N, C-alpha and C. Protein backbone atom coordinates (compact mmCIF):
# COMPACT_ATOMS: atom_id res chain seq x y z
N ARG A 1 86.18 55.45 113.38
CA ARG A 1 86.06 54.26 114.19
C ARG A 1 86.09 54.61 115.67
N PHE A 2 86.98 55.48 116.05
CA PHE A 2 87.08 55.88 117.45
C PHE A 2 85.84 56.64 117.88
N ILE A 3 85.31 57.45 116.96
CA ILE A 3 84.13 58.25 117.29
C ILE A 3 82.91 57.36 117.47
N GLY A 4 82.86 56.23 116.79
CA GLY A 4 81.72 55.32 116.91
C GLY A 4 81.59 54.69 118.29
N LEU A 5 82.66 54.69 119.06
CA LEU A 5 82.61 54.10 120.40
C LEU A 5 81.85 54.98 121.38
N PHE A 6 81.81 56.27 121.14
CA PHE A 6 81.15 57.20 122.04
C PHE A 6 79.98 57.87 121.32
N PRO A 7 78.76 57.60 121.76
CA PRO A 7 77.59 58.19 121.08
C PRO A 7 77.59 59.70 121.12
N ALA A 8 78.07 60.31 122.18
CA ALA A 8 78.10 61.77 122.27
C ALA A 8 79.07 62.34 121.23
N MET A 9 80.22 61.71 121.06
CA MET A 9 81.18 62.17 120.05
C MET A 9 80.61 62.01 118.64
N GLN A 10 79.85 60.95 118.44
CA GLN A 10 79.23 60.73 117.14
C GLN A 10 78.21 61.84 116.85
N ALA A 11 77.45 62.22 117.84
CA ALA A 11 76.46 63.30 117.66
C ALA A 11 77.17 64.63 117.39
N ILE A 12 78.28 64.88 118.08
CA ILE A 12 79.03 66.12 117.87
C ILE A 12 79.61 66.15 116.46
N ALA A 13 80.18 65.04 116.00
CA ALA A 13 80.76 64.98 114.66
C ALA A 13 79.69 65.16 113.60
N ARG A 14 78.52 64.54 113.77
CA ARG A 14 77.43 64.69 112.82
C ARG A 14 76.94 66.14 112.79
N SER A 15 76.82 66.75 113.96
CA SER A 15 76.39 68.15 114.02
C SER A 15 77.41 69.06 113.35
N PHE A 16 78.69 68.76 113.53
CA PHE A 16 79.74 69.55 112.88
C PHE A 16 79.63 69.47 111.36
N VAL A 17 79.38 68.29 110.84
CA VAL A 17 79.26 68.12 109.39
C VAL A 17 78.05 68.89 108.87
N PHE A 18 76.93 68.82 109.57
CA PHE A 18 75.74 69.56 109.14
C PHE A 18 75.96 71.07 109.22
N ALA A 19 76.67 71.52 110.24
CA ALA A 19 76.96 72.96 110.36
C ALA A 19 77.87 73.42 109.21
N MET A 20 78.85 72.61 108.85
CA MET A 20 79.74 72.96 107.75
C MET A 20 78.98 73.00 106.42
N MET A 21 78.04 72.09 106.24
CA MET A 21 77.24 72.11 105.02
C MET A 21 76.39 73.38 104.95
N ALA A 22 75.81 73.77 106.08
CA ALA A 22 74.99 74.99 106.10
C ALA A 22 75.84 76.21 105.83
N MET A 23 77.05 76.26 106.40
CA MET A 23 77.93 77.41 106.14
C MET A 23 78.36 77.45 104.67
N PHE A 24 78.63 76.30 104.09
CA PHE A 24 79.03 76.25 102.68
C PHE A 24 77.93 76.82 101.80
N TRP A 25 76.68 76.39 102.00
CA TRP A 25 75.59 76.88 101.17
C TRP A 25 75.29 78.33 101.45
N GLY A 26 75.54 78.80 102.67
CA GLY A 26 75.40 80.22 102.95
C GLY A 26 76.40 81.05 102.18
N VAL A 27 77.64 80.59 102.11
CA VAL A 27 78.68 81.30 101.35
C VAL A 27 78.35 81.27 99.86
N VAL A 28 77.88 80.15 99.35
CA VAL A 28 77.49 80.07 97.94
C VAL A 28 76.37 81.06 97.64
N THR A 29 75.40 81.16 98.54
CA THR A 29 74.29 82.09 98.34
C THR A 29 74.78 83.54 98.35
N ILE A 30 75.67 83.87 99.26
CA ILE A 30 76.21 85.23 99.33
C ILE A 30 76.96 85.58 98.05
N PHE A 31 77.79 84.66 97.57
CA PHE A 31 78.54 84.93 96.34
C PHE A 31 77.60 85.04 95.14
N ALA A 32 76.54 84.24 95.11
CA ALA A 32 75.58 84.35 94.00
C ALA A 32 74.88 85.70 94.03
N LEU A 33 74.49 86.16 95.21
CA LEU A 33 73.85 87.48 95.31
C LEU A 33 74.82 88.60 94.95
N LEU A 34 76.08 88.48 95.37
CA LEU A 34 77.07 89.48 94.98
C LEU A 34 77.25 89.52 93.47
N LEU A 35 77.23 88.36 92.84
CA LEU A 35 77.38 88.31 91.39
C LEU A 35 76.18 88.96 90.70
N ILE A 36 74.98 88.69 91.19
CA ILE A 36 73.78 89.29 90.60
C ILE A 36 73.82 90.81 90.75
N PHE A 37 74.16 91.30 91.95
CA PHE A 37 74.22 92.74 92.15
C PHE A 37 75.36 93.38 91.34
N SER A 38 76.43 92.64 91.12
CA SER A 38 77.52 93.17 90.30
C SER A 38 77.08 93.33 88.85
N ILE A 39 76.38 92.35 88.34
CA ILE A 39 75.87 92.45 86.97
C ILE A 39 74.89 93.61 86.84
N LEU A 40 73.99 93.74 87.82
CA LEU A 40 73.03 94.86 87.80
C LEU A 40 73.75 96.20 87.88
N ALA A 41 74.78 96.30 88.70
CA ALA A 41 75.50 97.57 88.84
C ALA A 41 76.20 97.94 87.55
N VAL A 42 76.79 96.96 86.88
CA VAL A 42 77.47 97.26 85.62
C VAL A 42 76.46 97.69 84.57
N GLU A 43 75.31 97.04 84.54
CA GLU A 43 74.31 97.37 83.53
C GLU A 43 73.58 98.68 83.83
N LEU A 44 73.39 99.02 85.10
CA LEU A 44 72.59 100.19 85.45
C LEU A 44 73.40 101.40 85.89
N VAL A 45 74.49 101.20 86.61
CA VAL A 45 75.25 102.32 87.16
C VAL A 45 76.31 102.82 86.16
N TYR A 46 76.99 101.90 85.52
CA TYR A 46 78.11 102.29 84.66
C TYR A 46 77.70 103.22 83.51
N PRO A 47 76.58 102.97 82.80
CA PRO A 47 76.21 103.91 81.73
C PRO A 47 75.95 105.33 82.24
N HIS A 48 75.36 105.45 83.41
CA HIS A 48 75.09 106.78 83.96
C HIS A 48 76.37 107.46 84.44
N SER A 49 77.31 106.68 84.98
CA SER A 49 78.56 107.29 85.45
C SER A 49 79.42 107.76 84.28
N ARG A 50 79.27 107.12 83.11
CA ARG A 50 80.02 107.58 81.93
C ARG A 50 79.46 108.89 81.41
N GLU A 51 78.15 109.08 81.52
CA GLU A 51 77.51 110.29 81.00
C GLU A 51 77.82 111.51 81.86
N LEU A 52 77.95 111.32 83.15
CA LEU A 52 78.21 112.44 84.05
C LEU A 52 79.68 112.83 83.96
N THR A 53 79.94 114.10 83.89
CA THR A 53 81.33 114.55 83.74
C THR A 53 82.00 114.81 85.09
N ASN A 54 81.23 115.04 86.13
CA ASN A 54 81.84 115.39 87.41
C ASN A 54 81.92 114.20 88.38
N THR A 55 81.84 112.98 87.87
CA THR A 55 81.94 111.82 88.75
C THR A 55 83.41 111.53 89.04
N ARG A 56 83.62 110.85 90.13
CA ARG A 56 84.98 110.45 90.48
C ARG A 56 85.42 109.30 89.58
N PRO A 57 86.71 109.20 89.31
CA PRO A 57 87.16 108.12 88.42
C PRO A 57 86.98 106.72 89.01
N TRP A 58 86.94 106.61 90.35
CA TRP A 58 86.78 105.27 90.94
C TRP A 58 85.42 104.68 90.60
N CYS A 59 84.42 105.52 90.37
CA CYS A 59 83.09 105.01 90.03
C CYS A 59 83.12 104.30 88.69
N GLN A 60 83.79 104.89 87.73
CA GLN A 60 83.89 104.25 86.41
C GLN A 60 84.77 103.01 86.47
N GLU A 61 85.79 103.03 87.31
CA GLU A 61 86.66 101.86 87.45
C GLU A 61 85.94 100.73 88.19
N ALA A 62 85.23 101.08 89.27
CA ALA A 62 84.59 100.06 90.10
C ALA A 62 83.43 99.38 89.38
N PHE A 63 82.72 100.10 88.53
CA PHE A 63 81.56 99.53 87.86
C PHE A 63 81.79 99.36 86.37
N GLY A 64 83.04 99.34 85.94
CA GLY A 64 83.36 99.17 84.53
C GLY A 64 83.26 97.74 84.06
N SER A 65 83.43 96.78 84.97
CA SER A 65 83.31 95.36 84.62
C SER A 65 82.68 94.62 85.78
N VAL A 66 82.18 93.43 85.48
CA VAL A 66 81.54 92.63 86.52
C VAL A 66 82.55 92.22 87.57
N GLN A 67 83.78 91.89 87.15
CA GLN A 67 84.81 91.49 88.10
C GLN A 67 85.16 92.63 89.06
N ALA A 68 85.29 93.84 88.52
CA ALA A 68 85.63 94.99 89.37
C ALA A 68 84.48 95.31 90.32
N ALA A 69 83.24 95.22 89.85
CA ALA A 69 82.09 95.49 90.70
C ALA A 69 81.96 94.42 91.79
N PHE A 70 82.22 93.16 91.42
CA PHE A 70 82.18 92.09 92.41
C PHE A 70 83.22 92.32 93.49
N LEU A 71 84.43 92.68 93.09
CA LEU A 71 85.49 92.95 94.06
C LEU A 71 85.13 94.14 94.94
N TYR A 72 84.56 95.19 94.35
CA TYR A 72 84.17 96.36 95.12
C TYR A 72 83.09 96.01 96.15
N PHE A 73 82.08 95.25 95.74
CA PHE A 73 81.02 94.86 96.67
C PHE A 73 81.55 93.92 97.75
N PHE A 74 82.45 93.01 97.38
CA PHE A 74 83.02 92.08 98.36
C PHE A 74 83.85 92.84 99.39
N GLN A 75 84.66 93.79 98.93
CA GLN A 75 85.46 94.59 99.86
C GLN A 75 84.57 95.43 100.75
N THR A 76 83.53 95.99 100.21
CA THR A 76 82.61 96.80 101.00
C THR A 76 81.89 95.94 102.05
N MET A 77 81.50 94.75 101.66
CA MET A 77 80.83 93.86 102.59
C MET A 77 81.78 93.36 103.69
N LEU A 78 83.01 93.07 103.31
CA LEU A 78 83.97 92.51 104.26
C LEU A 78 84.46 93.54 105.26
N VAL A 79 84.80 94.73 104.80
CA VAL A 79 85.39 95.74 105.66
C VAL A 79 84.38 96.81 106.07
N GLY A 80 83.37 97.01 105.27
CA GLY A 80 82.40 98.04 105.55
C GLY A 80 82.73 99.35 104.86
N ASP A 81 83.84 99.39 104.17
CA ASP A 81 84.26 100.58 103.43
C ASP A 81 85.19 100.13 102.33
N SER A 82 85.44 100.99 101.38
CA SER A 82 86.33 100.66 100.28
C SER A 82 87.77 100.62 100.77
N TRP A 83 88.54 99.64 100.29
CA TRP A 83 89.94 99.55 100.69
C TRP A 83 90.77 100.62 100.01
N GLY A 84 90.35 101.05 98.83
CA GLY A 84 91.14 102.02 98.07
C GLY A 84 90.95 103.44 98.54
N ASP A 85 89.83 103.76 99.15
CA ASP A 85 89.56 105.14 99.58
C ASP A 85 89.85 105.34 101.03
C-alpha cells in the first residue's frame, strides 16, 4: 500500500520481483545441469575408474554415486577446487 503511493518505488519493487524470478530460474537451471553431468559422470567415469588399478581412491568415491558426484561438482563449481584435497 505504501509503495503504491510512489510510482518510482512501485517500479523498483516490480523490478526486484522480476530479478528474483530470473535468479531463481537461473539456480534451477544450474542445479539441473549439475544433476545431468553427475549422472553422466557416474555412468561414464565410474566404470573406467574401477578398471584402473592405479587411480586415486577419491575418484571412485566421488563418482561412485550420483549424490557424491553432484556434491563433488557443486564443490568444484563453488570453490574452484575440491574441498577434500
